Protein backbone atom coordinates (compact mmCIF):
# COMPACT_ATOMS: atom_id res chain seq x y z
CA UNK A 1 0.00 0.00 0.00
CA UNK A 2 1.14 3.54 -0.71
CA UNK A 3 1.99 5.85 2.16
CA UNK A 4 0.35 9.23 2.78
CA UNK A 5 1.92 12.35 4.27
CA UNK A 6 -0.45 14.97 5.67
CA UNK A 7 0.94 18.31 6.79
CA UNK A 8 -0.38 21.45 8.42
CA UNK A 9 1.63 24.69 8.18
CA UNK A 10 1.00 27.83 10.21
CA UNK A 11 2.47 30.68 12.21
CA UNK A 12 2.21 30.89 15.99
CA UNK A 13 1.80 34.15 17.88
CA UNK A 14 5.15 35.34 19.28
CA UNK A 15 4.03 35.36 22.90
CA UNK A 16 2.46 31.86 22.67
CA UNK A 17 5.45 29.84 21.39
CA UNK A 18 6.32 28.03 24.64
CA UNK A 19 2.68 27.20 25.45
CA UNK A 20 2.29 25.96 21.88
CA UNK A 21 5.35 23.68 22.10
CA UNK A 22 4.13 22.23 25.41
CA UNK A 23 0.68 21.55 23.94
CA UNK A 24 2.20 19.84 20.90
CA UNK A 25 4.35 17.63 23.17
CA UNK A 26 1.24 16.49 25.01
CA UNK A 27 -0.67 16.03 21.75
CA UNK A 28 2.09 13.84 20.33
CA UNK A 29 1.98 11.60 23.41
CA UNK A 30 -1.77 11.10 22.91
CA UNK A 31 -1.89 10.55 19.14
CA UNK A 32 -2.49 6.88 18.55
CA UNK A 33 -4.08 5.42 15.43
CA UNK A 34 -3.75 2.29 13.35
CA UNK A 35 -1.49 3.12 10.45
CA UNK A 36 -0.09 6.37 11.88
CA UNK A 37 3.62 5.69 11.46
CA UNK A 38 4.96 9.00 12.71
CA UNK A 39 4.08 12.50 13.84
CA UNK A 40 6.65 15.30 13.84
CA UNK A 41 6.77 19.05 14.34
CA UNK A 42 9.20 21.17 12.34
CA UNK A 43 10.04 24.84 12.79
CA UNK A 44 11.06 26.98 9.85
CA UNK A 45 13.81 29.54 9.67
CA UNK A 46 11.09 32.16 9.84
CA UNK A 47 10.33 32.83 13.49
CA UNK A 48 7.32 30.94 14.83
CA UNK A 49 6.55 29.19 11.53
CA UNK A 50 5.71 25.51 12.13
CA UNK A 51 4.71 22.44 10.20
CA UNK A 52 3.11 19.33 11.66
CA UNK A 53 3.76 16.20 9.60
CA UNK A 54 1.74 13.00 9.90
CA UNK A 55 2.91 9.89 8.02
CA UNK A 56 0.40 7.11 7.44
CA UNK A 57 1.09 3.59 6.23
CA UNK A 58 -1.74 3.72 3.65
CA UNK A 59 -4.52 5.83 2.16
CA UNK A 60 -7.00 3.73 4.13
CA UNK A 61 -5.22 4.55 7.42
CA UNK A 62 -5.25 8.25 6.50
CA UNK A 63 -8.93 8.15 5.55
CA UNK A 64 -9.79 6.44 8.86
CA UNK A 65 -7.72 8.81 11.01
CA UNK A 66 -9.92 10.70 13.44
CA UNK A 67 -8.56 13.10 16.06
CA UNK A 68 -11.92 13.07 17.85
CA UNK A 69 -11.47 9.71 19.58
CA UNK A 70 -10.05 11.36 22.68
CA UNK A 71 -11.56 14.31 24.55
CA UNK A 72 -8.12 15.53 25.69
CA UNK A 73 -6.91 15.52 22.06
CA UNK A 74 -9.91 17.67 21.10
CA UNK A 75 -9.10 20.13 23.89
CA UNK A 76 -5.44 20.34 22.83
CA UNK A 77 -6.31 20.88 19.17
CA UNK A 78 -8.67 23.69 20.14
CA UNK A 79 -5.97 25.24 22.36
CA UNK A 80 -3.39 24.99 19.56
CA UNK A 81 -5.80 26.73 17.18
CA UNK A 82 -5.91 29.67 19.60
CA UNK A 83 -2.10 30.02 19.42
CA UNK A 84 -2.07 30.36 15.64
CA UNK A 85 -1.87 33.62 13.70
CA UNK A 86 -5.29 34.00 12.03
CA UNK A 87 -5.51 32.90 8.39
CA UNK A 88 -1.98 31.42 8.39
CA UNK A 89 -2.97 27.73 8.23
CA UNK A 90 -2.35 25.67 5.08
CA UNK A 91 -2.97 21.96 4.61
CA UNK A 92 -1.22 19.56 2.25
CA UNK A 93 -1.77 15.88 1.49
CA UNK A 94 0.81 13.86 -0.44
CA UNK A 95 0.30 10.34 -1.76
CA UNK A 96 3.34 8.13 -2.33
CA UNK A 97 4.02 7.29 -5.95
CA UNK A 98 4.75 3.61 -6.51
CA UNK A 99 7.91 3.29 -8.59
C-alpha atoms as a PDB file:
ATOM      1  CA  UNK A   1       0.000   0.000   0.000  1.00  0.00           C
ATOM      2  CA  UNK A   2       1.139   3.537  -0.708  1.00  0.00           C
ATOM      3  CA  UNK A   3       1.992   5.855   2.157  1.00  0.00           C
ATOM      4  CA  UNK A   4       0.350   9.232   2.776  1.00  0.00           C
ATOM      5  CA  UNK A   5       1.919  12.352   4.267  1.00  0.00           C
ATOM      6  CA  UNK A   6      -0.449  14.969   5.666  1.00  0.00           C
ATOM      7  CA  UNK A   7       0.942  18.314   6.790  1.00  0.00           C
ATOM      8  CA  UNK A   8      -0.378  21.447   8.424  1.00  0.00           C
ATOM      9  CA  UNK A   9       1.628  24.686   8.182  1.00  0.00           C
ATOM     10  CA  UNK A  10       1.000  27.828  10.206  1.00  0.00           C
ATOM     11  CA  UNK A  11       2.472  30.679  12.205  1.00  0.00           C
ATOM     12  CA  UNK A  12       2.206  30.887  15.986  1.00  0.00           C
ATOM     13  CA  UNK A  13       1.799  34.149  17.882  1.00  0.00           C
ATOM     14  CA  UNK A  14       5.152  35.340  19.278  1.00  0.00           C
ATOM     15  CA  UNK A  15       4.034  35.364  22.895  1.00  0.00           C
ATOM     16  CA  UNK A  16       2.456  31.864  22.667  1.00  0.00           C
ATOM     17  CA  UNK A  17       5.447  29.845  21.391  1.00  0.00           C
ATOM     18  CA  UNK A  18       6.316  28.025  24.637  1.00  0.00           C
ATOM     19  CA  UNK A  19       2.680  27.198  25.451  1.00  0.00           C
ATOM     20  CA  UNK A  20       2.291  25.961  21.884  1.00  0.00           C
ATOM     21  CA  UNK A  21       5.354  23.681  22.104  1.00  0.00           C
ATOM     22  CA  UNK A  22       4.130  22.226  25.415  1.00  0.00           C
ATOM     23  CA  UNK A  23       0.685  21.555  23.945  1.00  0.00           C
ATOM     24  CA  UNK A  24       2.202  19.841  20.903  1.00  0.00           C
ATOM     25  CA  UNK A  25       4.351  17.629  23.173  1.00  0.00           C
ATOM     26  CA  UNK A  26       1.235  16.491  25.011  1.00  0.00           C
ATOM     27  CA  UNK A  27      -0.674  16.032  21.749  1.00  0.00           C
ATOM     28  CA  UNK A  28       2.093  13.839  20.335  1.00  0.00           C
ATOM     29  CA  UNK A  29       1.982  11.600  23.406  1.00  0.00           C
ATOM     30  CA  UNK A  30      -1.769  11.098  22.907  1.00  0.00           C
ATOM     31  CA  UNK A  31      -1.892  10.550  19.141  1.00  0.00           C
ATOM     32  CA  UNK A  32      -2.494   6.879  18.551  1.00  0.00           C
ATOM     33  CA  UNK A  33      -4.077   5.417  15.431  1.00  0.00           C
ATOM     34  CA  UNK A  34      -3.754   2.290  13.351  1.00  0.00           C
ATOM     35  CA  UNK A  35      -1.488   3.117  10.454  1.00  0.00           C
ATOM     36  CA  UNK A  36      -0.087   6.371  11.877  1.00  0.00           C
ATOM     37  CA  UNK A  37       3.624   5.691  11.458  1.00  0.00           C
ATOM     38  CA  UNK A  38       4.956   9.002  12.713  1.00  0.00           C
ATOM     39  CA  UNK A  39       4.076  12.501  13.838  1.00  0.00           C
ATOM     40  CA  UNK A  40       6.646  15.302  13.839  1.00  0.00           C
ATOM     41  CA  UNK A  41       6.770  19.045  14.337  1.00  0.00           C
ATOM     42  CA  UNK A  42       9.195  21.175  12.343  1.00  0.00           C
ATOM     43  CA  UNK A  43      10.043  24.836  12.794  1.00  0.00           C
ATOM     44  CA  UNK A  44      11.055  26.985   9.845  1.00  0.00           C
ATOM     45  CA  UNK A  45      13.811  29.543   9.667  1.00  0.00           C
ATOM     46  CA  UNK A  46      11.095  32.157   9.840  1.00  0.00           C
ATOM     47  CA  UNK A  47      10.329  32.827  13.493  1.00  0.00           C
ATOM     48  CA  UNK A  48       7.325  30.943  14.833  1.00  0.00           C
ATOM     49  CA  UNK A  49       6.553  29.191  11.532  1.00  0.00           C
ATOM     50  CA  UNK A  50       5.710  25.512  12.128  1.00  0.00           C
ATOM     51  CA  UNK A  51       4.710  22.439  10.198  1.00  0.00           C
ATOM     52  CA  UNK A  52       3.105  19.331  11.656  1.00  0.00           C
ATOM     53  CA  UNK A  53       3.760  16.198   9.601  1.00  0.00           C
ATOM     54  CA  UNK A  54       1.743  13.001   9.896  1.00  0.00           C
ATOM     55  CA  UNK A  55       2.909   9.892   8.025  1.00  0.00           C
ATOM     56  CA  UNK A  56       0.400   7.110   7.435  1.00  0.00           C
ATOM     57  CA  UNK A  57       1.086   3.592   6.228  1.00  0.00           C
ATOM     58  CA  UNK A  58      -1.738   3.719   3.648  1.00  0.00           C
ATOM     59  CA  UNK A  59      -4.525   5.827   2.159  1.00  0.00           C
ATOM     60  CA  UNK A  60      -6.995   3.728   4.130  1.00  0.00           C
ATOM     61  CA  UNK A  61      -5.221   4.546   7.418  1.00  0.00           C
ATOM     62  CA  UNK A  62      -5.249   8.253   6.498  1.00  0.00           C
ATOM     63  CA  UNK A  63      -8.932   8.146   5.554  1.00  0.00           C
ATOM     64  CA  UNK A  64      -9.787   6.440   8.857  1.00  0.00           C
ATOM     65  CA  UNK A  65      -7.725   8.814  11.009  1.00  0.00           C
ATOM     66  CA  UNK A  66      -9.916  10.702  13.444  1.00  0.00           C
ATOM     67  CA  UNK A  67      -8.557  13.098  16.064  1.00  0.00           C
ATOM     68  CA  UNK A  68     -11.920  13.073  17.849  1.00  0.00           C
ATOM     69  CA  UNK A  69     -11.474   9.709  19.577  1.00  0.00           C
ATOM     70  CA  UNK A  70     -10.050  11.355  22.684  1.00  0.00           C
ATOM     71  CA  UNK A  71     -11.561  14.308  24.551  1.00  0.00           C
ATOM     72  CA  UNK A  72      -8.124  15.535  25.688  1.00  0.00           C
ATOM     73  CA  UNK A  73      -6.909  15.523  22.063  1.00  0.00           C
ATOM     74  CA  UNK A  74      -9.908  17.667  21.097  1.00  0.00           C
ATOM     75  CA  UNK A  75      -9.104  20.132  23.893  1.00  0.00           C
ATOM     76  CA  UNK A  76      -5.442  20.344  22.832  1.00  0.00           C
ATOM     77  CA  UNK A  77      -6.307  20.877  19.173  1.00  0.00           C
ATOM     78  CA  UNK A  78      -8.673  23.692  20.143  1.00  0.00           C
ATOM     79  CA  UNK A  79      -5.975  25.239  22.359  1.00  0.00           C
ATOM     80  CA  UNK A  80      -3.386  24.989  19.557  1.00  0.00           C
ATOM     81  CA  UNK A  81      -5.797  26.733  17.182  1.00  0.00           C
ATOM     82  CA  UNK A  82      -5.910  29.672  19.600  1.00  0.00           C
ATOM     83  CA  UNK A  83      -2.099  30.018  19.423  1.00  0.00           C
ATOM     84  CA  UNK A  84      -2.066  30.360  15.636  1.00  0.00           C
ATOM     85  CA  UNK A  85      -1.871  33.616  13.701  1.00  0.00           C
ATOM     86  CA  UNK A  86      -5.295  34.001  12.032  1.00  0.00           C
ATOM     87  CA  UNK A  87      -5.508  32.896   8.389  1.00  0.00           C
ATOM     88  CA  UNK A  88      -1.983  31.418   8.389  1.00  0.00           C
ATOM     89  CA  UNK A  89      -2.969  27.726   8.226  1.00  0.00           C
ATOM     90  CA  UNK A  90      -2.349  25.673   5.082  1.00  0.00           C
ATOM     91  CA  UNK A  91      -2.969  21.959   4.613  1.00  0.00           C
ATOM     92  CA  UNK A  92      -1.222  19.560   2.248  1.00  0.00           C
ATOM     93  CA  UNK A  93      -1.766  15.877   1.492  1.00  0.00           C
ATOM     94  CA  UNK A  94       0.815  13.861  -0.442  1.00  0.00           C
ATOM     95  CA  UNK A  95       0.304  10.338  -1.761  1.00  0.00           C
ATOM     96  CA  UNK A  96       3.338   8.132  -2.330  1.00  0.00           C
ATOM     97  CA  UNK A  97       4.016   7.285  -5.949  1.00  0.00           C
ATOM     98  CA  UNK A  98       4.746   3.608  -6.506  1.00  0.00           C
ATOM     99  CA  UNK A  99       7.908   3.286  -8.586  1.00  0.00           C
END
